Amino acid sequence: MDLSINYLGLKLKNPIIAGASNLSTDVKKALELQEAGISAIVYKSLFEEQLNLEAAQMHDDMHEYDDRHAEMINLFPDIKHSGPKAHLMALKELKQALSIPVIASLNCLYKESWDEYAMHLAGTGIDALELNFYSTISDADIEPGTIEDEQVDILKRVIAKVNIPVSVKLSPYYTNPLSFIKKLDGAGASGFVLFNRLFQPDINIWEETLEMPYNLSQEGDSRLSLRYMGLLSGQVKGSLCANTGFLEGSDIVAALLAGADAVQVVSAIYKNGTKNISRMLDEINGWMQKKGYQSVSDFQGKVSKESLKEPHAYKRAQYVDFLMKAKEYTKKYPVN
């Protein structure tokens, strides 16, 4: 079967991409993923605040950059430690070691920092850049439009500074994600990764402290992404990449049927190792063989809203239909 796809203008041998994680920092592990059949790797995200924390205490860092403004000549060297340089060197080493595309991931604190860090990342020879728009809002006076306008502006500035495809990774927590994605698409985004798996704090009631549990994706976590793949397929110029909760080959098939161009996986590798990629690819091949499909393009988007042409596809009517069949459901799955 021909599993090749086009993502961000890159020709990939199959739709499975290793998402940003610590797995990519180990060249040996990355080579194992490549051998197992992964089509591309997103390198561990460069978080600006992490670099700041490594440089000094958070209090000192925040005051040091209080006066940042767009007219500053150079932002990058101001962090006086090996953090960014080490990240860039490791990224360049990974790119040189692999034959598959390498995508960098970037998450900044300050709007003035995005394009400068983006240029340094692009200088390592990467094939594409992923902007991770993950921000926690703690000020009730900030209007949703302000947040969106700022992120659209960041995207435009980064695109103007680099000569590689730029995608955007988003959380689902926008007032209207579809509207915002349309804005980003119009601003020139090469693709969209939906959705970011956010790490939320927990509280240890005995120690009375915040904790950060490391929660891997579970079965069913992919459904929100599937919905938006189906809604956006054929509606945007940029590529669509499903993310979060894709653990089996059947999950990948479902994403492609909804209209995704590619799928990012992380938990599937952490849970079952690099060999799991080969198994997932075998499952996709087996399904295509049974269905009589020769290539991904034969069935991609077949269950998207655009292709179904049904008035109630991907709408609230599905939820209402489920409620109407509640008795039937409880008979099948009785509650003890």
Protein backbone atom coordinates (compact mmCIF):
# COMPACT_ATOMS: atom_id res chain seq x y z
CA MET A 1 0.00 0.00 0.00
CA ASP A 2 1.10 3.59 -0.66
CA LEU A 3 1.02 5.34 2.72
CA SER A 4 2.84 8.49 1.56
CA ILE A 5 1.26 11.86 2.35
CA ASN A 6 2.00 15.57 1.95
CA TYR A 7 2.35 17.54 5.17
CA LEU A 8 3.45 21.21 5.29
CA GLY A 9 4.68 20.78 1.73
CA LEU A 10 6.92 17.90 2.83
CA LYS A 11 6.56 14.48 1.21
CA LEU A 12 6.36 11.97 4.09
CA LYS A 13 6.48 8.19 3.64
CA ASN A 14 3.46 7.70 5.93
CA PRO A 15 1.16 9.80 8.15
CA ILE A 16 2.71 8.95 11.55
CA ILE A 17 4.89 11.69 13.07
CA ALA A 18 6.63 11.53 16.45
CA GLY A 19 5.37 14.55 18.40
CA ALA A 20 7.53 16.80 20.54
CA SER A 21 8.83 15.01 23.63
CA ASN A 22 11.99 14.00 25.47
CA LEU A 23 12.24 10.98 23.16
CA SER A 24 13.69 13.19 20.43
CA THR A 25 16.59 14.40 22.60
CA ASP A 26 18.22 10.96 22.38
CA VAL A 27 19.69 10.45 18.90
CA LYS A 28 19.80 6.69 19.43
CA LYS A 29 16.08 6.62 20.28
CA ALA A 30 15.32 8.86 17.30
CA LEU A 31 17.18 6.48 15.01
CA GLU A 32 15.14 3.60 16.44
CA LEU A 33 11.97 5.52 15.62
CA GLN A 34 13.20 6.14 12.10
CA GLU A 35 13.99 2.43 11.71
CA ALA A 36 10.53 1.52 13.03
CA GLY A 37 8.97 3.61 10.26
CA ILE A 38 8.19 7.02 11.75
CA SER A 39 7.93 9.54 8.91
CA ALA A 40 9.12 12.69 10.74
CA ILE A 41 10.14 13.83 14.21
CA VAL A 42 9.20 16.99 16.08
CA TYR A 43 12.10 17.93 18.34
CA LYS A 44 11.46 18.70 22.01
CA SER A 45 9.96 22.17 22.33
CA LEU A 46 12.18 25.11 23.16
CA PHE A 47 10.39 26.83 26.06
CA GLU A 48 11.65 30.34 26.71
CA GLU A 49 10.64 30.29 30.37
CA GLN A 50 12.60 27.07 30.92
CA LEU A 51 15.72 28.78 29.65
CA ASN A 52 15.05 31.70 31.96
CA LEU A 53 14.58 29.44 34.96
CA GLU A 54 17.83 27.67 34.22
CA ALA A 55 19.65 30.99 34.02
CA ALA A 56 18.51 32.42 37.37
CA GLN A 57 15.65 32.57 39.80
CA MET A 58 12.28 33.41 38.24
CA HIS A 59 12.03 36.71 40.14
CA ASP A 60 15.33 37.97 38.74
CA ASP A 61 14.47 36.84 35.22
CA MET A 62 11.10 38.56 35.18
CA HIS A 63 12.62 41.86 36.27
CA GLU A 64 15.53 41.54 33.87
CA TYR A 65 13.14 41.45 30.88
CA ASP A 66 10.56 43.95 32.14
CA ASP A 67 11.77 46.56 29.64
CA ARG A 68 11.79 44.37 26.56
CA HIS A 69 10.50 46.13 23.46
CA ALA A 70 10.44 45.58 19.72
CA GLU A 71 13.28 48.05 19.10
CA MET A 72 15.88 46.03 21.03
CA ILE A 73 18.74 45.07 18.72
CA ASN A 74 19.22 41.50 19.93
CA LEU A 75 17.22 39.35 22.32
CA PHE A 76 18.73 35.90 21.97
CA PRO A 77 22.20 36.35 23.60
CA ASP A 78 20.76 38.08 26.68
CA ILE A 79 20.19 34.71 28.37
CA LYS A 80 23.73 34.11 29.57
CA HIS A 81 23.96 30.36 29.85
CA SER A 82 24.29 27.35 27.59
CA GLY A 83 20.55 26.56 27.43
CA PRO A 84 19.62 27.90 23.98
CA LYS A 85 23.01 27.04 22.48
CA ALA A 86 22.80 23.49 23.83
CA HIS A 87 19.28 23.13 22.42
CA LEU A 88 20.38 24.35 18.99
CA MET A 89 23.44 22.10 18.93
CA ALA A 90 21.40 19.04 19.89
CA LEU A 91 18.76 19.88 17.27
CA LYS A 92 21.41 20.26 14.58
CA GLU A 93 22.99 16.95 15.60
CA LEU A 94 19.62 15.19 15.34
CA LYS A 95 18.93 16.69 11.92
CA GLN A 96 22.30 15.50 10.63
CA ALA A 97 21.79 12.00 12.03
CA LEU A 98 18.36 11.37 10.49
CA SER A 99 17.24 10.96 6.90
CA ILE A 100 13.60 11.80 7.70
CA PRO A 101 12.34 15.40 8.16
CA VAL A 102 12.92 17.10 11.51
CA ILE A 103 10.51 19.77 12.78
CA ALA A 104 11.41 22.18 15.58
CA SER A 105 8.89 23.30 18.21
CA LEU A 106 8.90 26.74 19.82
CA ASN A 107 7.04 28.24 22.79
CA CYS A 108 7.94 31.75 23.95
CA LEU A 109 6.88 34.02 26.79
CA TYR A 110 7.34 37.39 25.09
CA LYS A 111 5.90 38.35 21.73
CA GLU A 112 9.20 39.99 20.78
CA SER A 113 11.07 36.70 21.27
CA TRP A 114 9.25 34.45 18.80
CA ASP A 115 10.80 35.59 15.55
CA GLU A 116 14.33 35.79 16.99
CA TYR A 117 14.26 32.26 18.40
CA ALA A 118 12.58 31.06 15.20
CA MET A 119 15.49 32.34 13.12
CA HIS A 120 18.02 30.53 15.31
CA LEU A 121 16.05 27.29 15.07
CA ALA A 122 15.72 27.62 11.29
CA GLY A 123 19.48 28.08 11.10
CA THR A 124 20.03 24.49 12.27
CA GLY A 125 18.74 23.13 8.94
CA ILE A 126 15.34 21.88 10.15
CA ASP A 127 12.62 21.14 7.62
CA ALA A 128 9.77 23.01 9.33
CA LEU A 129 8.85 24.90 12.49
CA GLU A 130 5.91 24.35 14.83
CA LEU A 131 4.73 27.29 16.95
CA ASN A 132 3.26 25.99 20.19
CA PHE A 133 0.68 28.60 21.20
CA TYR A 134 0.22 27.32 24.74
CA SER A 135 -0.49 30.14 27.18
CA THR A 136 -2.27 30.08 30.52
CA ILE A 137 -4.45 33.13 31.01
CA SER A 138 -4.57 34.42 34.59
CA ASP A 139 -5.94 37.93 33.97
CA ALA A 140 -9.74 38.21 33.62
CA ASP A 141 -9.43 41.64 32.00
CA ILE A 142 -7.72 40.31 28.85
CA GLU A 143 -10.19 40.11 25.95
CA PRO A 144 -10.22 36.97 23.74
CA GLY A 145 -9.72 39.11 20.62
CA THR A 146 -6.53 40.57 22.09
CA ILE A 147 -5.03 37.12 22.60
CA GLU A 148 -5.94 35.98 19.10
CA ASP A 149 -4.68 39.17 17.41
CA GLU A 150 -1.35 38.90 19.22
CA GLN A 151 -0.87 35.28 18.14
CA VAL A 152 -1.79 36.04 14.53
CA ASP A 153 0.78 38.85 14.61
CA ILE A 154 3.42 36.47 16.02
CA LEU A 155 2.74 34.01 13.21
CA LYS A 156 3.08 36.70 10.54
CA ARG A 157 6.36 37.95 12.00
CA VAL A 158 7.85 34.46 12.18
CA ILE A 159 6.81 33.64 8.61
CA ALA A 160 8.49 36.86 7.45
CA LYS A 161 11.78 35.86 9.11
CA VAL A 162 12.18 32.19 8.10
CA ASN A 163 12.14 30.35 4.78
CA ILE A 164 10.65 27.08 5.98
CA PRO A 165 7.03 25.95 6.53
CA VAL A 166 5.51 27.21 9.80
CA SER A 167 2.68 25.30 11.47
CA VAL A 168 0.71 26.17 14.60
CA LYS A 169 -0.09 23.85 17.50
CA LEU A 170 -3.19 24.93 19.42
CA SER A 171 -5.23 24.08 22.48
CA PRO A 172 -9.04 23.77 22.07
CA TYR A 173 -9.64 26.58 24.58
CA TYR A 174 -10.40 29.44 22.23
CA THR A 175 -13.83 31.11 22.11
CA ASN A 176 -14.30 29.80 18.56
CA PRO A 177 -11.39 27.58 17.47
CA LEU A 178 -12.73 27.31 13.91
CA SER A 179 -12.80 31.09 13.48
CA PHE A 180 -9.32 31.49 14.95
CA ILE A 181 -7.87 28.73 12.75
CA LYS A 182 -9.37 30.50 9.71
CA LYS A 183 -7.53 33.69 10.76
CA LEU A 184 -4.25 31.82 11.13
CA ASP A 185 -4.82 30.11 7.78
CA GLY A 186 -5.32 33.49 6.15
CA ALA A 187 -2.15 34.75 7.83
CA GLY A 188 -0.13 32.04 6.07
CA ALA A 189 0.11 29.10 8.48
CA SER A 190 1.34 26.01 6.63
CA GLY A 191 -0.54 23.67 8.94
CA PHE A 192 -2.39 23.09 12.20
CA VAL A 193 -1.71 20.55 14.96
CA LEU A 194 -4.93 19.91 16.92
CA PHE A 195 -4.87 19.71 19.85
CA ASN A 196 -2.14 20.32 22.37
CA ARG A 197 -2.28 18.01 25.40
CA LEU A 198 -2.12 20.43 28.32
CA PHE A 199 -0.49 19.43 31.58
CA GLN A 200 -2.69 20.63 34.43
CA PRO A 201 -1.54 20.85 38.06
CA ASP A 202 -2.96 18.60 40.77
CA ILE A 203 -3.02 19.25 44.53
CA ASN A 204 -1.48 16.97 47.14
CA ILE A 205 -3.95 17.39 50.01
CA TRP A 206 -1.53 15.99 52.63
CA GLU A 207 1.48 18.06 51.67
CA GLU A 208 -0.79 20.97 50.64
CA THR A 209 1.32 21.57 47.56
CA LEU A 210 0.88 21.68 43.80
CA GLU A 211 1.99 18.62 41.87
CA MET A 212 2.45 18.05 38.16
CA PRO A 213 1.40 14.49 37.29
CA TYR A 214 2.67 13.05 34.01
CA ASN A 215 -0.53 11.78 32.39
CA LEU A 216 -0.27 9.87 29.13
CA SER A 217 -3.13 9.82 26.64
CA GLN A 218 -5.89 7.27 27.10
CA GLU A 219 -8.25 5.52 24.69
CA GLY A 220 -10.91 7.97 23.54
CA ASP A 221 -8.80 11.11 24.00
CA SER A 222 -8.60 11.44 20.21
CA ARG A 223 -12.29 12.26 19.71
CA LEU A 224 -12.05 16.03 20.04
CA SER A 225 -9.26 16.12 17.46
CA LEU A 226 -11.27 13.84 15.14
CA ARG A 227 -14.21 16.22 15.30
CA TYR A 228 -12.12 19.21 14.26
CA MET A 229 -10.33 17.26 11.53
CA GLY A 230 -13.77 16.51 10.08
CA LEU A 231 -14.95 20.10 10.41
CA LEU A 232 -11.81 21.66 8.89
CA SER A 233 -11.10 19.21 6.08
CA GLY A 234 -11.38 21.09 2.80
CA GLN A 235 -11.97 24.39 4.61
CA VAL A 236 -8.37 25.57 5.10
CA LYS A 237 -5.31 25.77 2.86
CA GLY A 238 -2.93 24.53 5.59
CA SER A 239 -2.26 20.89 6.41
CA LEU A 240 -4.19 19.22 9.23
CA CYS A 241 -2.39 17.14 11.84
CA ALA A 242 -4.34 15.24 14.52
CA ASN A 243 -2.83 15.07 17.99
CA THR A 244 -3.56 13.53 21.43
CA GLY A 245 -4.92 10.04 22.04
CA PHE A 246 -3.85 8.25 18.85
CA LEU A 247 -2.63 4.93 20.21
CA GLU A 248 -3.51 2.33 17.57
CA GLY A 249 -3.36 1.93 13.81
CA SER A 250 -7.16 2.13 13.77
CA ASP A 251 -6.92 5.58 15.43
CA ILE A 252 -4.69 6.78 12.59
CA VAL A 253 -7.16 5.44 10.00
CA ALA A 254 -10.01 7.28 11.75
CA ALA A 255 -8.04 10.56 11.63
CA LEU A 256 -7.34 10.13 7.92
CA LEU A 257 -11.00 9.34 7.21
CA ALA A 258 -11.95 12.54 9.04
CA GLY A 259 -9.59 14.50 6.79
CA ALA A 260 -6.26 14.68 8.64
CA ASP A 261 -3.07 14.80 6.57
CA ALA A 262 -0.94 13.40 9.37
CA VAL A 263 -1.06 12.31 13.02
CA GLN A 264 1.38 13.03 15.84
CA VAL A 265 1.98 10.33 18.45
CA VAL A 266 3.84 10.41 21.77
CA SER A 267 1.98 8.33 24.37
CA ALA A 268 1.77 5.42 21.90
CA ILE A 269 5.58 5.29 21.94
CA TYR A 270 5.99 5.80 25.69
CA LYS A 271 3.47 3.05 26.43
CA ASN A 272 4.58 0.41 23.94
CA GLY A 273 8.04 1.40 22.69
CA THR A 274 9.36 2.30 19.25
CA LYS A 275 8.28 -1.06 17.78
CA ASN A 276 4.69 0.08 18.25
CA ILE A 277 5.14 2.32 15.19
CA SER A 278 5.77 -0.72 12.97
CA ARG A 279 2.69 -2.42 14.43
CA MET A 280 0.50 0.63 13.78
CA LEU A 281 1.73 0.83 10.19
CA ASP A 282 0.96 -2.86 9.70
CA GLU A 283 -2.56 -2.27 11.02
CA ILE A 284 -3.09 0.58 8.55
CA ASN A 285 -1.76 -1.55 5.69
CA GLY A 286 -4.00 -4.45 6.70
CA TRP A 287 -7.10 -2.25 6.87
CA MET A 288 -6.36 -0.70 3.46
CA GLN A 289 -5.86 -4.13 1.96
CA LYS A 290 -9.20 -5.40 3.28
CA LYS A 291 -10.99 -2.27 2.06
CA GLY A 292 -9.31 -2.33 -1.35
CA TYR A 293 -7.54 1.04 -1.00
CA GLN A 294 -4.18 1.48 -2.73
CA SER A 295 -3.21 4.85 -1.28
CA VAL A 296 -4.13 7.21 1.56
CA SER A 297 -5.67 9.65 -0.92
CA ASP A 298 -8.26 6.98 -1.83
CA PHE A 299 -10.04 7.40 1.51
CA GLN A 300 -8.67 10.56 3.10
CA GLY A 301 -11.51 12.87 4.19
CA LYS A 302 -14.19 10.35 3.25
CA VAL A 303 -15.95 10.93 6.59
CA SER A 304 -15.35 14.68 6.81
CA LYS A 305 -18.23 17.13 7.03
CA GLU A 306 -17.52 18.29 3.48
CA SER A 307 -17.67 14.77 2.04
CA LEU A 308 -20.69 13.45 3.96
CA LYS A 309 -23.02 16.15 2.63
CA GLU A 310 -25.43 15.40 5.47
CA PRO A 311 -27.16 18.35 7.20
CA HIS A 312 -26.55 16.93 10.68
CA ALA A 313 -22.98 15.71 10.23
CA TYR A 314 -20.72 16.94 13.05
CA LYS A 315 -23.57 18.97 14.56
CA ARG A 316 -25.50 18.97 17.83
CA ALA A 317 -28.04 16.55 16.33
CA GLN A 318 -25.58 13.72 16.97
CA TYR A 319 -25.69 14.47 20.70
CA VAL A 320 -29.49 14.68 20.69
CA ASP A 321 -29.66 11.35 18.84
CA PHE A 322 -27.47 9.78 21.54
CA LEU A 323 -29.76 11.08 24.31
CA MET A 324 -32.81 9.70 22.53
CA LYS A 325 -31.18 6.27 22.48
CA ALA A 326 -30.17 6.42 26.15
CA LYS A 327 -32.47 3.53 27.15
CA GLU A 328 -31.03 1.34 24.43
CA TYR A 329 -27.51 2.22 25.62
CA THR A 330 -28.22 1.43 29.29
CA LYS A 331 -29.66 -1.96 28.32
CA LYS A 332 -26.46 -2.77 26.49
CA TYR A 333 -24.25 -1.44 29.29
CA PRO A 334 -26.22 -1.87 32.56
CA VAL A 335 -25.14 0.07 35.62
CA ASN A 336 -24.53 -2.14 38.66
